[in-house]
């Protein structure tokens, strides 16, 4: 599970990674 960073994405929706980065 994850927290949305995009206002278009609602709770329950799915995000499939195109790529990944370490934000910290």
PDBML (XML) file of the C-alpha atoms, coordinates in Angstrom:
<?xml version="1.0" encoding="UTF-8" ?>
<PDBx:datablock datablockName="MODEL"
   xmlns:PDBx="http://pdbml.pdb.org/schema/pdbx-v50.xsd"
   xmlns:xsi="http://www.w3.org/2001/XMLSchema-instance"
   xsi:schemaLocation="http://pdbml.pdb.org/schema/pdbx-v50.xsd pdbx-v50.xsd">
   <PDBx:atom_siteCategory>
      <PDBx:atom_site id="1">
         <PDBx:B_iso_or_equiv>0.00</PDBx:B_iso_or_equiv>
         <PDBx:Cartn_x>0.000</PDBx:Cartn_x>
         <PDBx:Cartn_y>0.000</PDBx:Cartn_y>
         <PDBx:Cartn_z>0.000</PDBx:Cartn_z>
         <PDBx:auth_asym_id>A</PDBx:auth_asym_id>
         <PDBx:auth_atom_id>CA</PDBx:auth_atom_id>
         <PDBx:auth_comp_id>UNK</PDBx:auth_comp_id>
         <PDBx:auth_seq_id>1</PDBx:auth_seq_id>
         <PDBx:group_PDB>ATOM</PDBx:group_PDB>
         <PDBx:label_alt_id xsi:nil="true" />
         <PDBx:label_asym_id>A</PDBx:label_asym_id>
         <PDBx:label_atom_id>CA</PDBx:label_atom_id>
         <PDBx:label_comp_id>UNK</PDBx:label_comp_id>
         <PDBx:label_entity_id>1</PDBx:label_entity_id>
         <PDBx:label_seq_id>1</PDBx:label_seq_id>
         <PDBx:occupancy>1.00</PDBx:occupancy>
         <PDBx:pdbx_PDB_model_num>1</PDBx:pdbx_PDB_model_num>
         <PDBx:type_symbol>C</PDBx:type_symbol>
      </PDBx:atom_site>
      <PDBx:atom_site id="2">
         <PDBx:B_iso_or_equiv>0.00</PDBx:B_iso_or_equiv>
         <PDBx:Cartn_x>1.042</PDBx:Cartn_x>
         <PDBx:Cartn_y>3.620</PDBx:Cartn_y>
         <PDBx:Cartn_z>-0.438</PDBx:Cartn_z>
         <PDBx:auth_asym_id>A</PDBx:auth_asym_id>
         <PDBx:auth_atom_id>CA</PDBx:auth_atom_id>
         <PDBx:auth_comp_id>UNK</PDBx:auth_comp_id>
         <PDBx:auth_seq_id>2</PDBx:auth_seq_id>
         <PDBx:group_PDB>ATOM</PDBx:group_PDB>
         <PDBx:label_alt_id xsi:nil="true" />
         <PDBx:label_asym_id>A</PDBx:label_asym_id>
         <PDBx:label_atom_id>CA</PDBx:label_atom_id>
         <PDBx:label_comp_id>UNK</PDBx:label_comp_id>
         <PDBx:label_entity_id>1</PDBx:label_entity_id>
         <PDBx:label_seq_id>2</PDBx:label_seq_id>
         <PDBx:occupancy>1.00</PDBx:occupancy>
         <PDBx:pdbx_PDB_model_num>1</PDBx:pdbx_PDB_model_num>
         <PDBx:type_symbol>C</PDBx:type_symbol>
      </PDBx:atom_site>
      <PDBx:atom_site id="3">
         <PDBx:B_iso_or_equiv>0.00</PDBx:B_iso_or_equiv>
         <PDBx:Cartn_x>0.073</PDBx:Cartn_x>
         <PDBx:Cartn_y>7.225</PDBx:Cartn_y>
         <PDBx:Cartn_z>0.061</PDBx:Cartn_z>
         <PDBx:auth_asym_id>A</PDBx:auth_asym_id>
         <PDBx:auth_atom_id>CA</PDBx:auth_atom_id>
         <PDBx:auth_comp_id>UNK</PDBx:auth_comp_id>
         <PDBx:auth_seq_id>3</PDBx:auth_seq_id>
         <PDBx:group_PDB>ATOM</PDBx:group_PDB>
         <PDBx:label_alt_id xsi:nil="true" />
         <PDBx:label_asym_id>A</PDBx:label_asym_id>
         <PDBx:label_atom_id>CA</PDBx:label_atom_id>
         <PDBx:label_comp_id>UNK</PDBx:label_comp_id>
         <PDBx:label_entity_id>1</PDBx:label_entity_id>
         <PDBx:label_seq_id>3</PDBx:label_seq_id>
         <PDBx:occupancy>1.00</PDBx:occupancy>
         <PDBx:pdbx_PDB_model_num>1</PDBx:pdbx_PDB_model_num>
         <PDBx:type_symbol>C</PDBx:type_symbol>
      </PDBx:atom_site>
      <PDBx:atom_site id="4">
         <PDBx:B_iso_or_equiv>0.00</PDBx:B_iso_or_equiv>
         <PDBx:Cartn_x>-1.055</PDBx:Cartn_x>
         <PDBx:Cartn_y>9.191</PDBx:Cartn_y>
         <PDBx:Cartn_z>-2.971</PDBx:Cartn_z>
         <PDBx:auth_asym_id>A</PDBx:auth_asym_id>
         <PDBx:auth_atom_id>CA</PDBx:auth_atom_id>
         <PDBx:auth_comp_id>UNK</PDBx:auth_comp_id>
         <PDBx:auth_seq_id>4</PDBx:auth_seq_id>
         <PDBx:group_PDB>ATOM</PDBx:group_PDB>
         <PDBx:label_alt_id xsi:nil="true" />
         <PDBx:label_asym_id>A</PDBx:label_asym_id>
         <PDBx:label_atom_id>CA</PDBx:label_atom_id>
         <PDBx:label_comp_id>UNK</PDBx:label_comp_id>
         <PDBx:label_entity_id>1</PDBx:label_entity_id>
         <PDBx:label_seq_id>4</PDBx:label_seq_id>
         <PDBx:occupancy>1.00</PDBx:occupancy>
         <PDBx:pdbx_PDB_model_num>1</PDBx:pdbx_PDB_model_num>
         <PDBx:type_symbol>C</PDBx:type_symbol>
      </PDBx:atom_site>
      <PDBx:atom_site id="5">
         <PDBx:B_iso_or_equiv>0.00</PDBx:B_iso_or_equiv>
         <PDBx:Cartn_x>1.054</PDBx:Cartn_x>
         <PDBx:Cartn_y>12.125</PDBx:Cartn_y>
         <PDBx:Cartn_z>-4.176</PDBx:Cartn_z>
         <PDBx:auth_asym_id>A</PDBx:auth_asym_id>
         <PDBx:auth_atom_id>CA</PDBx:auth_atom_id>
         <PDBx:auth_comp_id>UNK</PDBx:auth_comp_id>
         <PDBx:auth_seq_id>5</PDBx:auth_seq_id>
         <PDBx:group_PDB>ATOM</PDBx:group_PDB>
         <PDBx:label_alt_id xsi:nil="true" />
         <PDBx:label_asym_id>A</PDBx:label_asym_id>
         <PDBx:label_atom_id>CA</PDBx:label_atom_id>
         <PDBx:label_comp_id>UNK</PDBx:label_comp_id>
         <PDBx:label_entity_id>1</PDBx:label_entity_id>
         <PDBx:label_seq_id>5</PDBx:label_seq_id>
         <PDBx:occupancy>1.00</PDBx:occupancy>
         <PDBx:pdbx_PDB_model_num>1</PDBx:pdbx_PDB_model_num>
         <PDBx:type_symbol>C</PDBx:type_symbol>
      </PDBx:atom_site>
      <PDBx:atom_site id="6">
         <PDBx:B_iso_or_equiv>0.00</PDBx:B_iso_or_equiv>
         <PDBx:Cartn_x>-1.309</PDBx:Cartn_x>
         <PDBx:Cartn_y>12.987</PDBx:Cartn_y>
         <PDBx:Cartn_z>-7.029</PDBx:Cartn_z>
         <PDBx:auth_asym_id>A</PDBx:auth_asym_id>
         <PDBx:auth_atom_id>CA</PDBx:auth_atom_id>
         <PDBx:auth_comp_id>UNK</PDBx:auth_comp_id>
         <PDBx:auth_seq_id>6</PDBx:auth_seq_id>
         <PDBx:group_PDB>ATOM</PDBx:group_PDB>
         <PDBx:label_alt_id xsi:nil="true" />
         <PDBx:label_asym_id>A</PDBx:label_asym_id>
         <PDBx:label_atom_id>CA</PDBx:label_atom_id>
         <PDBx:label_comp_id>UNK</PDBx:label_comp_id>
         <PDBx:label_entity_id>1</PDBx:label_entity_id>
         <PDBx:label_seq_id>6</PDBx:label_seq_id>
         <PDBx:occupancy>1.00</PDBx:occupancy>
         <PDBx:pdbx_PDB_model_num>1</PDBx:pdbx_PDB_model_num>
         <PDBx:type_symbol>C</PDBx:type_symbol>
      </PDBx:atom_site>
      <PDBx:atom_site id="7">
         <PDBx:B_iso_or_equiv>0.00</PDBx:B_iso_or_equiv>
         <PDBx:Cartn_x>-4.732</PDBx:Cartn_x>
         <PDBx:Cartn_y>14.559</PDBx:Cartn_y>
         <PDBx:Cartn_z>-6.487</PDBx:Cartn_z>
         <PDBx:auth_asym_id>A</PDBx:auth_asym_id>
         <PDBx:auth_atom_id>CA</PDBx:auth_atom_id>
         <PDBx:auth_comp_id>UNK</PDBx:auth_comp_id>
         <PDBx:auth_seq_id>7</PDBx:auth_seq_id>
         <PDBx:group_PDB>ATOM</PDBx:group_PDB>
         <PDBx:label_alt_id xsi:nil="true" />
         <PDBx:label_asym_id>A</PDBx:label_asym_id>
         <PDBx:label_atom_id>CA</PDBx:label_atom_id>
         <PDBx:label_comp_id>UNK</PDBx:label_comp_id>
         <PDBx:label_entity_id>1</PDBx:label_entity_id>
         <PDBx:label_seq_id>7</PDBx:label_seq_id>
         <PDBx:occupancy>1.00</PDBx:occupancy>
         <PDBx:pdbx_PDB_model_num>1</PDBx:pdbx_PDB_model_num>
         <PDBx:type_symbol>C</PDBx:type_symbol>
      </PDBx:atom_site>
      <PDBx:atom_site id="8">
         <PDBx:B_iso_or_equiv>0.00</PDBx:B_iso_or_equiv>
         <PDBx:Cartn_x>-6.193</PDBx:Cartn_x>
         <PDBx:Cartn_y>12.472</PDBx:Cartn_y>
         <PDBx:Cartn_z>-9.318</PDBx:Cartn_z>
         <PDBx:auth_asym_id>A</PDBx:auth_asym_id>
         <PDBx:auth_atom_id>CA</PDBx:auth_atom_id>
         <PDBx:auth_comp_id>UNK</PDBx:auth_comp_id>
         <PDBx:auth_seq_id>8</PDBx:auth_seq_id>
         <PDBx:group_PDB>ATOM</PDBx:group_PDB>
         <PDBx:label_alt_id xsi:nil="true" />
         <PDBx:label_asym_id>A</PDBx:label_asym_id>
         <PDBx:label_atom_id>CA</PDBx:label_atom_id>
         <PDBx:label_comp_id>UNK</PDBx:label_comp_id>
         <PDBx:label_entity_id>1</PDBx:label_entity_id>
         <PDBx:label_seq_id>8</PDBx:label_seq_id>
         <PDBx:occupancy>1.00</PDBx:occupancy>
         <PDBx:pdbx_PDB_model_num>1</PDBx:pdbx_PDB_model_num>
         <PDBx:type_symbol>C</PDBx:type_symbol>
      </PDBx:atom_site>
      <PDBx:atom_site id="9">
         <PDBx:B_iso_or_equiv>0.00</PDBx:B_iso_or_equiv>
         <PDBx:Cartn_x>-5.512</PDBx:Cartn_x>
         <PDBx:Cartn_y>9.225</PDBx:Cartn_y>
         <PDBx:Cartn_z>-7.454</PDBx:Cartn_z>
         <PDBx:auth_asym_id>A</PDBx:auth_asym_id>
         <PDBx:auth_atom_id>CA</PDBx:auth_atom_id>
         <PDBx:auth_comp_id>UNK</PDBx:auth_comp_id>
         <PDBx:auth_seq_id>9</PDBx:auth_seq_id>
         <PDBx:group_PDB>ATOM</PDBx:group_PDB>
         <PDBx:label_alt_id xsi:nil="true" />
         <PDBx:label_asym_id>A</PDBx:label_asym_id>
         <PDBx:label_atom_id>CA</PDBx:label_atom_id>
         <PDBx:label_comp_id>UNK</PDBx:label_comp_id>
         <PDBx:label_entity_id>1</PDBx:label_entity_id>
         <PDBx:label_seq_id>9</PDBx:label_seq_id>
         <PDBx:occupancy>1.00</PDBx:occupancy>
         <PDBx:pdbx_PDB_model_num>1</PDBx:pdbx_PDB_model_num>
         <PDBx:type_symbol>C</PDBx:type_symbol>
      </PDBx:atom_site>
      <PDBx:atom_site id="10">
         <PDBx:B_iso_or_equiv>0.00</PDBx:B_iso_or_equiv>
         <PDBx:Cartn_x>-8.190</PDBx:Cartn_x>
         <PDBx:Cartn_y>8.220</PDBx:Cartn_y>
         <PDBx:Cartn_z>-4.956</PDBx:Cartn_z>
         <PDBx:auth_asym_id>A</PDBx:auth_asym_id>
         <PDBx:auth_atom_id>CA</PDBx:auth_atom_id>
         <PDBx:auth_comp_id>UNK</PDBx:auth_comp_id>
         <PDBx:auth_seq_id>10</PDBx:auth_seq_id>
         <PDBx:group_PDB>ATOM</PDBx:group_PDB>
         <PDBx:label_alt_id xsi:nil="true" />
         <PDBx:label_asym_id>A</PDBx:label_asym_id>
         <PDBx:label_atom_id>CA</PDBx:label_atom_id>
         <PDBx:label_comp_id>UNK</PDBx:label_comp_id>
         <PDBx:label_entity_id>1</PDBx:label_entity_id>
         <PDBx:label_seq_id>10</PDBx:label_seq_id>
         <PDBx:occupancy>1.00</PDBx:occupancy>
         <PDBx:pdbx_PDB_model_num>1</PDBx:pdbx_PDB_model_num>
         <PDBx:type_symbol>C</PDBx:type_symbol>
      </PDBx:atom_site>
      <PDBx:atom_site id="11">
         <PDBx:B_iso_or_equiv>0.00</PDBx:B_iso_or_equiv>
         <PDBx:Cartn_x>-8.010</PDBx:Cartn_x>
         <PDBx:Cartn_y>5.876</PDBx:Cartn_y>
         <PDBx:Cartn_z>-2.007</PDBx:Cartn_z>
         <PDBx:auth_asym_id>A</PDBx:auth_asym_id>
         <PDBx:auth_atom_id>CA</PDBx:auth_atom_id>
         <PDBx:auth_comp_id>UNK</PDBx:auth_comp_id>
         <PDBx:auth_seq_id>11</PDBx:auth_seq_id>
         <PDBx:group_PDB>ATOM</PDBx:group_PDB>
         <PDBx:label_alt_id xsi:nil="true" />
         <PDBx:label_asym_id>A</PDBx:label_asym_id>
         <PDBx:label_atom_id>CA</PDBx:label_atom_id>
         <PDBx:label_comp_id>UNK</PDBx:label_comp_id>
         <PDBx:label_entity_id>1</PDBx:label_entity_id>
         <PDBx:label_seq_id>11</PDBx:label_seq_id>
         <PDBx:occupancy>1.00</PDBx:occupancy>
         <PDBx:pdbx_PDB_model_num>1</PDBx:pdbx_PDB_model_num>
         <PDBx:type_symbol>C</PDBx:type_symbol>
      </PDBx:atom_site>
      <PDBx:atom_site id="12">
         <PDBx:B_iso_or_equiv>0.00</PDBx:B_iso_or_equiv>
         <PDBx:Cartn_x>-8.406</PDBx:Cartn_x>
         <PDBx:Cartn_y>2.315</PDBx:Cartn_y>
         <PDBx:Cartn_z>-3.303</PDBx:Cartn_z>
         <PDBx:auth_asym_id>A</PDBx:auth_asym_id>
         <PDBx:auth_atom_id>CA</PDBx:auth_atom_id>
         <PDBx:auth_comp_id>UNK</PDBx:auth_comp_id>
         <PDBx:auth_seq_id>12</PDBx:auth_seq_id>
         <PDBx:group_PDB>ATOM</PDBx:group_PDB>
         <PDBx:label_alt_id xsi:nil="true" />
         <PDBx:label_asym_id>A</PDBx:label_asym_id>
         <PDBx:label_atom_id>CA</PDBx:label_atom_id>
         <PDBx:label_comp_id>UNK</PDBx:label_comp_id>
         <PDBx:label_entity_id>1</PDBx:label_entity_id>
         <PDBx:label_seq_id>12</PDBx:label_seq_id>
         <PDBx:occupancy>1.00</PDBx:occupancy>
         <PDBx:pdbx_PDB_model_num>1</PDBx:pdbx_PDB_model_num>
         <PDBx:type_symbol>C</PDBx:type_symbol>
      </PDBx:atom_site>
      <PDBx:atom_site id="13">
         <PDBx:B_iso_or_equiv>0.00</PDBx:B_iso_or_equiv>
         <PDBx:Cartn_x>-6.926</PDBx:Cartn_x>
         <PDBx:Cartn_y>3.064</PDBx:Cartn_y>
         <PDBx:Cartn_z>-6.732</PDBx:Cartn_z>
         <PDBx:auth_asym_id>A</PDBx:auth_asym_id>
         <PDBx:auth_atom_id>CA</PDBx:auth_atom_id>
         <PDBx:auth_comp_id>UNK</PDBx:auth_comp_id>
         <PDBx:auth_seq_id>13</PDBx:auth_seq_id>
         <PDBx:group_PDB>ATOM</PDBx:group_PDB>
         <PDBx:label_alt_id xsi:nil="true" />
         <PDBx:label_asym_id>A</PDBx:label_asym_id>
         <PDBx:label_atom_id>CA</PDBx:label_atom_id>
         <PDBx:label_comp_id>UNK</PDBx:label_comp_id>
         <PDBx:label_entity_id>1</PDBx:label_entity_id>
         <PDBx:label_seq_id>13</PDBx:label_seq_id>
         <PDBx:occupancy>1.00</PDBx:occupancy>
         <PDBx:pdbx_PDB_model_num>1</PDBx:pdbx_PDB_model_num>
         <PDBx:type_symbol>C</PDBx:type_symbol>
      </PDBx:atom_site>
      <PDBx:atom_site id="14">
         <PDBx:B_iso_or_equiv>0.00</PDBx:B_iso_or_equiv>
         <PDBx:Cartn_x>-3.862</PDBx:Cartn_x>
         <PDBx:Cartn_y>1.191</PDBx:Cartn_y>
         <PDBx:Cartn_z>-8.001</PDBx:Cartn_z>
         <PDBx:auth_asym_id>A</PDBx:auth_asym_id>
         <PDBx:auth_atom_id>CA</PDBx:auth_atom_id>
         <PDBx:auth_comp_id>UNK</PDBx:auth_comp_id>
         <PDBx:auth_seq_id>14</PDBx:auth_seq_id>
         <PDBx:group_PDB>ATOM</PDBx:group_PDB>
         <PDBx:label_alt_id xsi:nil="true" />
         <PDBx:label_asym_id>A</PDBx:label_asym_id>
         <PDBx:label_atom_id>CA</PDBx:label_atom_id>
         <PDBx:label_comp_id>UNK</PDBx:label_comp_id>
         <PDBx:label_entity_id>1</PDBx:label_entity_id>
         <PDBx:label_seq_id>14</PDBx:label_seq_id>
         <PDBx:occupancy>1.00</PDBx:occupancy>
         <PDBx:pdbx_PDB_model_num>1</PDBx:pdbx_PDB_model_num>
         <PDBx:type_symbol>C</PDBx:type_symbol>
      </PDBx:atom_site>
      <PDBx:atom_site id="15">
         <PDBx:B_iso_or_equiv>0.00</PDBx:B_iso_or_equiv>
         <PDBx:Cartn_x>-0.502</PDBx:Cartn_x>
         <PDBx:Cartn_y>2.625</PDBx:Cartn_y>
         <PDBx:Cartn_z>-9.072</PDBx:Cartn_z>
         <PDBx:auth_asym_id>A</PDBx:auth_asym_id>
         <PDBx:auth_atom_id>CA</PDBx:auth_atom_id>
         <PDBx:auth_comp_id>UNK</PDBx:auth_comp_id>
         <PDBx:auth_seq_id>15</PDBx:auth_seq_id>
         <PDBx:group_PDB>ATOM</PDBx:group_PDB>
         <PDBx:label_alt_id xsi:nil="true" />
         <PDBx:label_asym_id>A</PDBx:label_asym_id>
         <PDBx:label_atom_id>CA</PDBx:label_atom_id>
         <PDBx:label_comp_id>UNK</PDBx:label_comp_id>
         <PDBx:label_entity_id>1</PDBx:label_entity_id>
         <PDBx:label_seq_id>15</PDBx:label_seq_id>
         <PDBx:occupancy>1.00</PDBx:occupancy>
         <PDBx:pdbx_PDB_model_num>1</PDBx:pdbx_PDB_model_num>
         <PDBx:type_symbol>C</PDBx:type_symbol>
      </PDBx:atom_site>
      <PDBx:atom_site id="16">
         <PDBx:B_iso_or_equiv>0.00</PDBx:B_iso_or_equiv>
         <PDBx:Cartn_x>1.811</PDBx:Cartn_x>
         <PDBx:Cartn_y>0.547</PDBx:Cartn_y>
         <PDBx:Cartn_z>-11.278</PDBx:Cartn_z>
         <PDBx:auth_asym_id>A</PDBx:auth_asym_id>
         <PDBx:auth_atom_id>CA</PDBx:auth_atom_id>
         <PDBx:auth_comp_id>UNK</PDBx:auth_comp_id>
         <PDBx:auth_seq_id>16</PDBx:auth_seq_id>
         <PDBx:group_PDB>ATOM</PDBx:group_PDB>
         <PDBx:label_alt_id xsi:nil="true" />
         <PDBx:label_asym_id>A</PDBx:label_asym_id>
         <PDBx:label_atom_id>CA</PDBx:label_atom_id>
         <PDBx:label_comp_id>UNK</PDBx:label_comp_id>
         <PDBx:label_entity_id>1</PDBx:label_entity_id>
         <PDBx:label_seq_id>16</PDBx:label_seq_id>
         <PDBx:occupancy>1.00</PDBx:occupancy>
         <PDBx:pdbx_PDB_model_num>1</PDBx:pdbx_PDB_model_num>
         <PDBx:type_symbol>C</PDBx:type_symbol>
      </PDBx:atom_site>
      <PDBx:atom_site id="17">
         <PDBx:B_iso_or_equiv>0.00</PDBx:B_iso_or_equiv>
         <PDBx:Cartn_x>5.419</PDBx:Cartn_x>
         <PDBx:Cartn_y>1.712</PDBx:Cartn_y>
         <PDBx:Cartn_z>-11.295</PDBx:Cartn_z>
         <PDBx:auth_asym_id>A</PDBx:auth_asym_id>
         <PDBx:auth_atom_id>CA</PDBx:auth_atom_id>
         <PDBx:auth_comp_id>UNK</PDBx:auth_comp_id>
         <PDBx:auth_seq_id>17</PDBx:auth_seq_id>
         <PDBx:group_PDB>ATOM</PDBx:group_PDB>
         <PDBx:label_alt_id xsi:nil="true" />
         <PDBx:label_asym_id>A</PDBx:label_asym_id>
         <PDBx:label_atom_id>CA</PDBx:label_atom_id>
         <PDBx:label_comp_id>UNK</PDBx:label_comp_id>
         <PDBx:label_entity_id>1</PDBx:label_entity_id>
         <PDBx:label_seq_id>17</PDBx:label_seq_id>
         <PDBx:occupancy>1.00</PDBx:occupancy>
         <PDBx:pdbx_PDB_model_num>1</PDBx:pdbx_PDB_model_num>
         <PDBx:type_symbol>C</PDBx:type_symbol>
      </PDBx:atom_site>
      <PDBx:atom_site id="18">
         <PDBx:B_iso_or_equiv>0.00</PDBx:B_iso_or_equiv>
         <PDBx:Cartn_x>7.018</PDBx:Cartn_x>
         <PDBx:Cartn_y>2.970</PDBx:Cartn_y>
         <PDBx:Cartn_z>-14.462</PDBx:Cartn_z>
         <PDBx:auth_asym_id>A</PDBx:auth_asym_id>
         <PDBx:auth_atom_id>CA</PDBx:auth_atom_id>
         <PDBx:auth_comp_id>UNK</PDBx:auth_comp_id>
         <PDBx:auth_seq_id>18</PDBx:auth_seq_id>
         <PDBx:group_PDB>ATOM</PDBx:group_PDB>
         <PDBx:label_alt_id xsi:nil="true" />
         <PDBx:label_asym_id>A</PDBx:label_asym_id>
         <PDBx:label_atom_id>CA</PDBx:label_atom_id>
         <PDBx:label_comp_id>UNK</PDBx:label_comp_id>
         <PDBx:label_entity_id>1</PDBx:label_entity_id>
         <PDBx:label_seq_id>18</PDBx:label_seq_id>
         <PDBx:occupancy>1.00</PDBx:occupancy>
         <PDBx:pdbx_PDB_model_num>1</PDBx:pdbx_PDB_model_num>
         <PDBx:type_symbol>C</PDBx:type_symbol>
      </PDBx:atom_site>
      <PDBx:atom_site id="19">
         <PDBx:B_iso_or_equiv>0.00</PDBx:B_iso_or_equiv>
         <PDBx:Cartn_x>10.144</PDBx:Cartn_x>
         <PDBx:Cartn_y>3.544</PDBx:Cartn_y>
         <PDBx:Cartn_z>-12.395</PDBx:Cartn_z>
         <PDBx:auth_asym_id>A</PDBx:auth_asym_id>
         <PDBx:auth_atom_id>CA</PDBx:auth_atom_id>
         <PDBx:auth_comp_id>UNK</PDBx:auth_comp_id>
         <PDBx:auth_seq_id>19</PDBx:auth_seq_id>
         <PDBx:group_PDB>ATOM</PDBx:group_PDB>
         <PDBx:label_alt_id xsi:nil="true" />
         <PDBx:label_asym_id>A</PDBx:label_asym_id>
         <PDBx:label_atom_id>CA</PDBx:label_atom_id>
         <PDBx:label_comp_id>UNK</PDBx:label_comp_id>
         <PDBx:label_entity_id>1</PDBx:label_entity_id>
         <PDBx:label_seq_id>19</PDBx:label_seq_id>
         <PDBx:occupancy>1.00</PDBx:occupancy>
         <PDBx:pdbx_PDB_model_num>1</PDBx:pdbx_PDB_model_num>
         <PDBx:type_symbol>C</PDBx:type_symbol>
      </PDBx:atom_site>
      <PDBx:atom_site id="20">
         <PDBx:B_iso_or_equiv>0.00</PDBx:B_iso_or_equiv>
         <PDBx:Cartn_x>11.205</PDBx:Cartn_x>
         <PDBx:Cartn_y>4.067</PDBx:Cartn_y>
         <PDBx:Cartn_z>-8.791</PDBx:Cartn_z>
         <PDBx:auth_asym_id>A</PDBx:auth_asym_id>
         <PDBx:auth_atom_id>CA</PDBx:auth_atom_id>
         <PDBx:auth_comp_id>UNK</PDBx:auth_comp_id>
         <PDBx:auth_seq_id>20</PDBx:auth_seq_id>
         <PDBx:group_PDB>ATOM</PDBx:group_PDB>
         <PDBx:label_alt_id xsi:nil="true" />
         <PDBx:label_asym_id>A</PDBx:label_asym_id>
         <PDBx:label_atom_id>CA</PDBx:label_atom_id>
         <PDBx:label_comp_id>UNK</PDBx:label_comp_id>
         <PDBx:label_entity_id>1</PDBx:label_entity_id>
         <PDBx:label_seq_id>20</PDBx:label_seq_id>
         <PDBx:occupancy>1.00</PDBx:occupancy>
         <PDBx:pdbx_PDB_model_num>1</PDBx:pdbx_PDB_model_num>
         <PDBx:type_symbol>C</PDBx:type_symbol>
      </PDBx:atom_site>
      <PDBx:atom_site id="21">
         <PDBx:B_iso_or_equiv>0.00</PDBx:B_iso_or_equiv>
         <PDBx:Cartn_x>13.415</PDBx:Cartn_x>
         <PDBx:Cartn_y>6.417</PDBx:Cartn_y>
         <PDBx:Cartn_z>-6.763</PDBx:Cartn_z>
         <PDBx:auth_asym_id>A</PDBx:auth_asym_id>
         <PDBx:auth_atom_id>CA</PDBx:auth_atom_id>
         <PDBx:auth_comp_id>UNK</PDBx:auth_comp_id>
         <PDBx:auth_seq_id>21</PDBx:auth_seq_id>
         <PDBx:group_PDB>ATOM</PDBx:group_PDB>
         <PDBx:label_alt_id xsi:nil="true" />
         <PDBx:label_asym_id>A</PDBx:label_asym_id>
         <PDBx:label_atom_id>CA</PDBx:label_atom_id>
         <PDBx:label_comp_id>UNK</PDBx:label_comp_id>
         <PDBx:label_entity_id>1</PDBx:label_entity_id>
         <PDBx:label_seq_id>21</PDBx:label_seq_id>
         <PDBx:occupancy>1.00</PDBx:occupancy>
         <PDBx:pdbx_PDB_model_num>1</PDBx:pdbx_PDB_model_num>
         <PDBx:type_symbol>C</PDBx:type_symbol>
      </PDBx:atom_site>
      <PDBx:atom_site id="22">
         <PDBx:B_iso_or_equiv>0.00</PDBx:B_iso_or_equiv>
         <PDBx:Cartn_x>14.507</PDBx:Cartn_x>
         <PDBx:Cartn_y>6.733</PDBx:Cartn_y>
         <PDBx:Cartn_z>-3.127</PDBx:Cartn_z>
         <PDBx:auth_asym_id>A</PDBx:auth_asym_id>
         <PDBx:auth_atom_id>CA</PDBx:auth_atom_id>
         <PDBx:auth_comp_id>UNK</PDBx:auth_comp_id>
         <PDBx:auth_seq_id>22</PDBx:auth_seq_id>
         <PDBx:group_PDB>ATOM</PDBx:group_PDB>
         <PDBx:label_alt_id xsi:nil="true" />
         <PDBx:label_asym_id>A</PDBx:label_asym_id>
         <PDBx:label_atom_id>CA</PDBx:label_atom_id>
         <PDBx:label_comp_id>UNK</PDBx:label_comp_id>
         <PDBx:label_entity_id>1</PDBx:label_entity_id>
         <PDBx:label_seq_id>22</PDBx:label_seq_id>
         <PDBx:occupancy>1.00</PDBx:occupancy>
         <PDBx:pdbx_PDB_model_num>1</PDBx:pdbx_PDB_model_num>
         <PDBx:type_symbol>C</PDBx:type_symbol>
      </PDBx:atom_site>
      <PDBx:atom_site id="23">
         <PDBx:B_iso_or_equiv>0.00</PDBx:B_iso_or_equiv>
         <PDBx:Cartn_x>13.148</PDBx:Cartn_x>
         <PDBx:Cartn_y>10.084</PDBx:Cartn_y>
         <PDBx:Cartn_z>-1.964</PDBx:Cartn_z>
         <PDBx:auth_asym_id>A</PDBx:auth_asym_id>
         <PDBx:auth_atom_id>CA</PDBx:auth_atom_id>
         <PDBx:auth_comp_id>UNK</PDBx:auth_comp_id>
         <PDBx:auth_seq_id>23</PDBx:auth_seq_id>
         <PDBx:group_PDB>ATOM</PDBx:group_PDB>
         <PDBx:label_alt_id xsi:nil="true" />
         <PDBx:label_asym_id>A</PDBx:label_asym_id>
         <PDBx:label_atom_id>CA</PDBx:label_atom_id>
         <PDBx:label_comp_id>UNK</PDBx:label_comp_id>
         <PDBx:label_entity_id>1</PDBx:label_entity_id>
         <PDBx:label_seq_id>23</PDBx:label_seq_id>
         <PDBx:occupancy>1.00</PDBx:occupancy>
         <PDBx:pdbx_PDB_model_num>1</PDBx:pdbx_PDB_model_num>
         <PDBx:type_symbol>C</PDBx:type_symbol>
      </PDBx:atom_site>
      <PDBx:atom_site id="24">
         <PDBx:B_iso_or_equiv>0.00</PDBx:B_iso_or_equiv>
         <PDBx:Cartn_x>15.217</PDBx:Cartn_x>
         <PDBx:Cartn_y>10.092</PDBx:Cartn_y>
         <PDBx:Cartn_z>1.232</PDBx:Cartn_z>
         <PDBx:auth_asym_id>A</PDBx:auth_asym_id>
         <PDBx:auth_atom_id>CA</PDBx:auth_atom_id>
         <PDBx:auth_comp_id>UNK</PDBx:auth_comp_id>
         <PDBx:auth_seq_id>24</PDBx:auth_seq_id>
         <PDBx:group_PDB>ATOM</PDBx:group_PDB>
         <PDBx:label_alt_id xsi:nil="true" />
         <PDBx:label_asym_id>A</PDBx:label_asym_id>
         <PDBx:label_atom_id>CA</PDBx:label_atom_id>
         <PDBx:label_comp_id>UNK</PDBx:label_comp_id>
         <PDBx:label_entity_id>1</PDBx:label_entity_id>
         <PDBx:label_seq_id>24</PDBx:label_seq_id>
         <PDBx:occupancy>1.00</PDBx:occupancy>
         <PDBx:pdbx_PDB_model_num>1</PDBx:pdbx_PDB_model_num>
         <PDBx:type_symbol>C</PDBx:type_symbol>
      </PDBx:atom_site>
   </PDBx:atom_siteCategory>
</PDBx:datablock>
